[in-house]
């Protein structure tokens, strides 16, 4: 309650006042006067924190892949992890809707039709076959890529036009340069996705 008090002052004050025994001397009447909790250094487990941070990165990577490839939320996925260290599979299965986890120390060849990511020093592969309509997803990504390429050509044309550079204010020119970088990066990401789907 003391930790929650800055965020929920009225509720924590009310609960705190009801928990106090008014007849005995001891804790203050108001939570505002109560001593702030002190951290117990002995209770800190750096190894557990490190493991949990790594697990969170892997979960985030798997969720990002699911979102990028439009994998339905209700479908369980199969994940291959390349790492020399163990990982809490039960947490990963629960938090990222994973059905099967394969943990291996070495992988000679990337799994077919899979999307990959690097997280917490692990190679993460999400197997996409059977989860999505590969042809439909390939067509969707190609369409998005073509749209971005057309927009990028327009931006490049503006930046190559001496009249635009001469007449536009420096902020507009800089904005177009940033858009050029942004669109180029997005196209590169889409090319990687298409590679993942065709492999």
C-alpha atoms as a PDB file:
ATOM      1  CA  UNK A   1       0.000   0.000   0.000  1.00  0.00           C
ATOM      2  CA  UNK A   2       2.857   2.363   0.738  1.00  0.00           C
ATOM      3  CA  UNK A   3       4.266   1.784  -2.736  1.00  0.00           C
ATOM      4  CA  UNK A   4       0.836   2.263  -4.309  1.00  0.00           C
ATOM      5  CA  UNK A   5       0.066   5.412  -2.301  1.00  0.00           C
ATOM      6  CA  UNK A   6       1.603   7.940  -4.766  1.00  0.00           C
ATOM      7  CA  UNK A   7      -0.637   6.500  -7.514  1.00  0.00           C
ATOM      8  CA  UNK A   8      -3.820   5.710  -5.544  1.00  0.00           C
ATOM      9  CA  UNK A   9      -3.682   8.038  -2.511  1.00  0.00           C
ATOM     10  CA  UNK A  10      -7.364   8.034  -1.476  1.00  0.00           C
ATOM     11  CA  UNK A  11      -7.819   4.265  -1.679  1.00  0.00           C
ATOM     12  CA  UNK A  12      -4.560   3.400   0.087  1.00  0.00           C
ATOM     13  CA  UNK A  13      -5.253   5.986   2.817  1.00  0.00           C
ATOM     14  CA  UNK A  14      -8.703   4.524   3.445  1.00  0.00           C
ATOM     15  CA  UNK A  15      -7.473   0.911   3.624  1.00  0.00           C
ATOM     16  CA  UNK A  16      -4.506   1.877   5.798  1.00  0.00           C
ATOM     17  CA  UNK A  17      -6.738   3.720   8.276  1.00  0.00           C
ATOM     18  CA  UNK A  18      -9.024   0.683   8.596  1.00  0.00           C
ATOM     19  CA  UNK A  19      -6.097  -1.645   9.273  1.00  0.00           C
ATOM     20  CA  UNK A  20      -4.724   0.390  12.170  1.00  0.00           C
ATOM     21  CA  UNK A  21      -5.639  -0.379  15.776  1.00  0.00           C
ATOM     22  CA  UNK A  22      -6.488   3.068  17.196  1.00  0.00           C
ATOM     23  CA  UNK A  23      -6.258   1.850  20.810  1.00  0.00           C
ATOM     24  CA  UNK A  24      -2.586   0.957  20.697  1.00  0.00           C
ATOM     25  CA  UNK A  25       0.393   3.137  20.032  1.00  0.00           C
ATOM     26  CA  UNK A  26       2.384   2.097  17.025  1.00  0.00           C
ATOM     27  CA  UNK A  27       1.942   2.827  13.335  1.00  0.00           C
ATOM     28  CA  UNK A  28       0.918   6.401  12.458  1.00  0.00           C
ATOM     29  CA  UNK A  29      -2.717   7.245  11.754  1.00  0.00           C
ATOM     30  CA  UNK A  30      -1.982   8.283   8.175  1.00  0.00           C
ATOM     31  CA  UNK A  31      -0.122   6.341   5.513  1.00  0.00           C
ATOM     32  CA  UNK A  32       1.515   9.650   4.564  1.00  0.00           C
ATOM     33  CA  UNK A  33       3.412   9.567   7.847  1.00  0.00           C
ATOM     34  CA  UNK A  34       4.353   5.904   7.608  1.00  0.00           C
ATOM     35  CA  UNK A  35       7.972   4.970   6.968  1.00  0.00           C
ATOM     36  CA  UNK A  36       8.807   4.239   3.332  1.00  0.00           C
ATOM     37  CA  UNK A  37       9.561   0.512   2.738  1.00  0.00           C
ATOM     38  CA  UNK A  38      13.241  -0.390   2.768  1.00  0.00           C
ATOM     39  CA  UNK A  39      14.697  -2.767   0.206  1.00  0.00           C
ATOM     40  CA  UNK A  40      16.236  -5.964   1.549  1.00  0.00           C
ATOM     41  CA  UNK A  41      19.534  -6.416  -0.299  1.00  0.00           C
ATOM     42  CA  UNK A  42      19.627 -10.088   0.692  1.00  0.00           C
ATOM     43  CA  UNK A  43      16.389 -10.719  -1.208  1.00  0.00           C
ATOM     44  CA  UNK A  44      17.845  -9.492  -4.505  1.00  0.00           C
ATOM     45  CA  UNK A  45      18.600 -12.397  -6.834  1.00  0.00           C
ATOM     46  CA  UNK A  46      20.656 -10.984  -9.715  1.00  0.00           C
ATOM     47  CA  UNK A  47      20.783 -14.349 -11.516  1.00  0.00           C
ATOM     48  CA  UNK A  48      16.984 -14.662 -11.459  1.00  0.00           C
ATOM     49  CA  UNK A  49      16.609 -11.062 -12.673  1.00  0.00           C
ATOM     50  CA  UNK A  50      19.029 -11.715 -15.531  1.00  0.00           C
ATOM     51  CA  UNK A  51      17.163 -14.883 -16.534  1.00  0.00           C
ATOM     52  CA  UNK A  52      13.807 -13.084 -16.420  1.00  0.00           C
ATOM     53  CA  UNK A  53      15.121 -10.172 -18.499  1.00  0.00           C
ATOM     54  CA  UNK A  54      16.358 -12.646 -21.115  1.00  0.00           C
ATOM     55  CA  UNK A  55      13.022 -14.465 -21.134  1.00  0.00           C
ATOM     56  CA  UNK A  56      11.149 -11.174 -21.577  1.00  0.00           C
ATOM     57  CA  UNK A  57      13.310 -10.337 -24.615  1.00  0.00           C
ATOM     58  CA  UNK A  58      12.568 -13.730 -26.186  1.00  0.00           C
ATOM     59  CA  UNK A  59       8.820 -13.367 -25.511  1.00  0.00           C
ATOM     60  CA  UNK A  60       8.887  -9.874 -27.059  1.00  0.00           C
ATOM     61  CA  UNK A  61      10.713 -11.201 -30.144  1.00  0.00           C
ATOM     62  CA  UNK A  62       8.195 -14.040 -30.610  1.00  0.00           C
ATOM     63  CA  UNK A  63       5.232 -11.674 -30.164  1.00  0.00           C
ATOM     64  CA  UNK A  64       6.732  -9.215 -32.673  1.00  0.00           C
ATOM     65  CA  UNK A  65       7.115 -11.989 -35.262  1.00  0.00           C
ATOM     66  CA  UNK A  66       3.510 -13.077 -34.664  1.00  0.00           C
ATOM     67  CA  UNK A  67       2.328  -9.495 -35.229  1.00  0.00           C
ATOM     68  CA  UNK A  68       4.536  -8.880 -38.296  1.00  0.00           C
ATOM     69  CA  UNK A  69       3.304 -12.004 -40.076  1.00  0.00           C
ATOM     70  CA  UNK A  70      -0.321 -11.694 -38.930  1.00  0.00           C
ATOM     71  CA  UNK A  71      -0.316 -15.047 -37.113  1.00  0.00           C
ATOM     72  CA  UNK A  72      -3.779 -15.450 -35.503  1.00  0.00           C
ATOM     73  CA  UNK A  73      -3.681 -14.908 -31.727  1.00  0.00           C
ATOM     74  CA  UNK A  74      -5.515 -18.131 -30.995  1.00  0.00           C
ATOM     75  CA  UNK A  75      -3.017 -20.342 -32.817  1.00  0.00           C
ATOM     76  CA  UNK A  76      -0.150 -21.952 -30.939  1.00  0.00           C
ATOM     77  CA  UNK A  77       3.215 -21.661 -32.648  1.00  0.00           C
ATOM     78  CA  UNK A  78       6.341 -23.773 -32.761  1.00  0.00           C
ATOM     79  CA  UNK A  79       9.590 -22.102 -31.768  1.00  0.00           C
ATOM     80  CA  UNK A  80      13.200 -23.201 -32.224  1.00  0.00           C
ATOM     81  CA  UNK A  81      15.769 -21.604 -29.923  1.00  0.00           C
ATOM     82  CA  UNK A  82      19.504 -21.827 -30.543  1.00  0.00           C
ATOM     83  CA  UNK A  83      21.327 -21.397 -27.239  1.00  0.00           C
ATOM     84  CA  UNK A  84      23.761 -23.132 -24.949  1.00  0.00           C
ATOM     85  CA  UNK A  85      21.742 -22.085 -21.904  1.00  0.00           C
ATOM     86  CA  UNK A  86      18.358 -23.404 -20.732  1.00  0.00           C
ATOM     87  CA  UNK A  87      15.247 -21.201 -20.764  1.00  0.00           C
ATOM     88  CA  UNK A  88      12.034 -21.392 -18.780  1.00  0.00           C
ATOM     89  CA  UNK A  89       9.874 -23.097 -21.410  1.00  0.00           C
ATOM     90  CA  UNK A  90       6.663 -23.052 -19.358  1.00  0.00           C
ATOM     91  CA  UNK A  91       6.770 -19.234 -19.080  1.00  0.00           C
ATOM     92  CA  UNK A  92       7.554 -18.898 -22.782  1.00  0.00           C
ATOM     93  CA  UNK A  93       4.651 -21.186 -23.718  1.00  0.00           C
ATOM     94  CA  UNK A  94       2.218 -19.264 -21.537  1.00  0.00           C
ATOM     95  CA  UNK A  95       3.341 -15.715 -22.331  1.00  0.00           C
ATOM     96  CA  UNK A  96       3.851 -16.105 -26.097  1.00  0.00           C
ATOM     97  CA  UNK A  97       1.212 -18.767 -26.909  1.00  0.00           C
ATOM     98  CA  UNK A  98       3.876 -21.301 -27.884  1.00  0.00           C
ATOM     99  CA  UNK A  99       2.912 -24.940 -28.304  1.00  0.00           C
ATOM    100  CA  UNK A 100       6.274 -26.594 -28.828  1.00  0.00           C
ATOM    101  CA  UNK A 101       9.774 -25.350 -27.968  1.00  0.00           C
ATOM    102  CA  UNK A 102      12.876 -26.954 -29.438  1.00  0.00           C
ATOM    103  CA  UNK A 103      16.092 -25.923 -27.709  1.00  0.00           C
ATOM    104  CA  UNK A 104      19.313 -26.740 -29.521  1.00  0.00           C
ATOM    105  CA  UNK A 105      22.937 -25.710 -29.076  1.00  0.00           C
ATOM    106  CA  UNK A 106      23.629 -25.620 -32.813  1.00  0.00           C
ATOM    107  CA  UNK A 107      21.591 -25.315 -35.982  1.00  0.00           C
ATOM    108  CA  UNK A 108      23.191 -26.255 -39.302  1.00  0.00           C
ATOM    109  CA  UNK A 109      20.378 -24.849 -41.415  1.00  0.00           C
ATOM    110  CA  UNK A 110      17.630 -22.330 -40.789  1.00  0.00           C
ATOM    111  CA  UNK A 111      14.203 -24.025 -40.491  1.00  0.00           C
ATOM    112  CA  UNK A 112      12.128 -23.776 -43.681  1.00  0.00           C
ATOM    113  CA  UNK A 113       9.473 -21.046 -43.852  1.00  0.00           C
ATOM    114  CA  UNK A 114      10.395 -19.515 -40.545  1.00  0.00           C
ATOM    115  CA  UNK A 115      10.897 -15.989 -39.288  1.00  0.00           C
ATOM    116  CA  UNK A 116      13.893 -15.245 -37.111  1.00  0.00           C
ATOM    117  CA  UNK A 117      15.112 -12.783 -34.513  1.00  0.00           C
ATOM    118  CA  UNK A 118      17.995 -12.378 -32.094  1.00  0.00           C
ATOM    119  CA  UNK A 119      16.994 -11.870 -28.464  1.00  0.00           C
ATOM    120  CA  UNK A 120      19.046 -12.101 -25.281  1.00  0.00           C
ATOM    121  CA  UNK A 121      21.896 -13.686 -27.229  1.00  0.00           C
ATOM    122  CA  UNK A 122      19.619 -16.458 -28.559  1.00  0.00           C
ATOM    123  CA  UNK A 123      18.596 -17.167 -32.127  1.00  0.00           C
ATOM    124  CA  UNK A 124      14.801 -17.369 -32.215  1.00  0.00           C
ATOM    125  CA  UNK A 125      12.953 -19.077 -35.092  1.00  0.00           C
ATOM    126  CA  UNK A 126       9.159 -19.127 -35.387  1.00  0.00           C
ATOM    127  CA  UNK A 127       7.891 -21.781 -37.811  1.00  0.00           C
ATOM    128  CA  UNK A 128       5.236 -20.228 -40.037  1.00  0.00           C
ATOM    129  CA  UNK A 129       4.186 -23.176 -42.232  1.00  0.00           C
ATOM    130  CA  UNK A 130       0.583 -24.122 -41.497  1.00  0.00           C
ATOM    131  CA  UNK A 131      -0.015 -20.987 -39.428  1.00  0.00           C
ATOM    132  CA  UNK A 132      -0.602 -18.497 -42.212  1.00  0.00           C
ATOM    133  CA  UNK A 133      -1.568 -18.536 -45.869  1.00  0.00           C
ATOM    134  CA  UNK A 134       1.931 -18.115 -47.304  1.00  0.00           C
ATOM    135  CA  UNK A 135       0.761 -17.051 -50.766  1.00  0.00           C
ATOM    136  CA  UNK A 136      -1.665 -14.504 -49.374  1.00  0.00           C
ATOM    137  CA  UNK A 137       0.909 -13.113 -46.940  1.00  0.00           C
ATOM    138  CA  UNK A 138       3.558 -12.941 -49.699  1.00  0.00           C
ATOM    139  CA  UNK A 139       1.112 -11.034 -51.927  1.00  0.00           C
ATOM    140  CA  UNK A 140       0.240  -8.646 -49.078  1.00  0.00           C
ATOM    141  CA  UNK A 141       3.906  -7.917 -48.304  1.00  0.00           C
ATOM    142  CA  UNK A 142       4.719  -7.446 -52.011  1.00  0.00           C
ATOM    143  CA  UNK A 143       1.862  -4.962 -52.340  1.00  0.00           C
ATOM    144  CA  UNK A 144       3.039  -3.039 -49.279  1.00  0.00           C
ATOM    145  CA  UNK A 145       6.617  -3.088 -50.593  1.00  0.00           C
ATOM    146  CA  UNK A 146       5.562  -1.747 -54.020  1.00  0.00           C
ATOM    147  CA  UNK A 147       3.650   1.077 -52.336  1.00  0.00           C
ATOM    148  CA  UNK A 148       6.680   2.041 -50.249  1.00  0.00           C
ATOM    149  CA  UNK A 149       8.993   1.842 -53.271  1.00  0.00           C
ATOM    150  CA  UNK A 150       6.713   4.186 -55.234  1.00  0.00           C
ATOM    151  CA  UNK A 151       6.707   6.659 -52.342  1.00  0.00           C
ATOM    152  CA  UNK A 152      10.478   6.364 -52.008  1.00  0.00           C
ATOM    153  CA  UNK A 153      10.918   7.195 -55.697  1.00  0.00           C
ATOM    154  CA  UNK A 154       8.868  10.377 -55.193  1.00  0.00           C
ATOM    155  CA  UNK A 155      11.017  11.375 -52.216  1.00  0.00           C
ATOM    156  CA  UNK A 156      14.224  10.694 -54.153  1.00  0.00           C
ATOM    157  CA  UNK A 157      12.859  12.758 -57.051  1.00  0.00           C
ATOM    158  CA  UNK A 158      12.175  15.724 -54.765  1.00  0.00           C
ATOM    159  CA  UNK A 159      15.649  15.511 -53.223  1.00  0.00           C
ATOM    160  CA  UNK A 160      17.249  15.306 -56.675  1.00  0.00           C
ATOM    161  CA  UNK A 161      15.350  18.401 -57.854  1.00  0.00           C
ATOM    162  CA  UNK A 162      17.589  21.508 -57.546  1.00  0.00           C
ATOM    163  CA  UNK A 163      14.502  23.756 -57.443  1.00  0.00           C
ATOM    164  CA  UNK A 164      13.107  21.924 -54.417  1.00  0.00           C
ATOM    165  CA  UNK A 165      16.448  22.154 -52.580  1.00  0.00           C
ATOM    166  CA  UNK A 166      16.762  25.856 -53.416  1.00  0.00           C
ATOM    167  CA  UNK A 167      13.200  26.890 -52.526  1.00  0.00           C
ATOM    168  CA  UNK A 168      12.297  24.629 -49.606  1.00  0.00           C
ATOM    169  CA  UNK A 169      13.289  25.571 -46.081  1.00  0.00           C
ATOM    170  CA  UNK A 170      16.076  23.471 -44.507  1.00  0.00           C
ATOM    171  CA  UNK A 171      13.604  21.749 -42.137  1.00  0.00           C
ATOM    172  CA  UNK A 172      11.548  20.415 -45.057  1.00  0.00           C
ATOM    173  CA  UNK A 173      14.642  19.148 -46.842  1.00  0.00           C
ATOM    174  CA  UNK A 174      15.841  17.423 -43.670  1.00  0.00           C
ATOM    175  CA  UNK A 175      12.394  15.900 -43.158  1.00  0.00           C
ATOM    176  CA  UNK A 176      12.452  14.433 -46.679  1.00  0.00           C
ATOM    177  CA  UNK A 177      15.933  12.994 -46.056  1.00  0.00           C
ATOM    178  CA  UNK A 178      14.678  11.343 -42.867  1.00  0.00           C
ATOM    179  CA  UNK A 179      11.665   9.934 -44.746  1.00  0.00           C
ATOM    180  CA  UNK A 180      14.026   8.545 -47.383  1.00  0.00           C
ATOM    181  CA  UNK A 181      15.966   6.658 -44.685  1.00  0.00           C
ATOM    182  CA  UNK A 182      12.753   5.502 -42.980  1.00  0.00           C
ATOM    183  CA  UNK A 183      11.183   4.181 -46.199  1.00  0.00           C
ATOM    184  CA  UNK A 184      14.439   2.469 -47.243  1.00  0.00           C
ATOM    185  CA  UNK A 185      14.599   0.706 -43.865  1.00  0.00           C
ATOM    186  CA  UNK A 186      10.955  -0.408 -44.108  1.00  0.00           C
ATOM    187  CA  UNK A 187      11.545  -1.823 -47.597  1.00  0.00           C
ATOM    188  CA  UNK A 188      14.581  -3.720 -46.316  1.00  0.00           C
ATOM    189  CA  UNK A 189      12.499  -5.230 -43.496  1.00  0.00           C
ATOM    190  CA  UNK A 190       9.833  -6.328 -45.992  1.00  0.00           C
ATOM    191  CA  UNK A 191      12.490  -7.888 -48.227  1.00  0.00           C
ATOM    192  CA  UNK A 192      13.723  -9.889 -45.227  1.00  0.00           C
ATOM    193  CA  UNK A 193      10.162 -11.041 -44.524  1.00  0.00           C
ATOM    194  CA  UNK A 194       9.712 -12.193 -48.118  1.00  0.00           C
ATOM    195  CA  UNK A 195      13.006 -14.076 -47.830  1.00  0.00           C
ATOM    196  CA  UNK A 196      11.739 -15.789 -44.663  1.00  0.00           C
ATOM    197  CA  UNK A 197       8.527 -16.863 -46.386  1.00  0.00           C
ATOM    198  CA  UNK A 198      10.218 -18.221 -49.498  1.00  0.00           C
ATOM    199  CA  UNK A 199      13.067 -20.066 -47.746  1.00  0.00           C
END
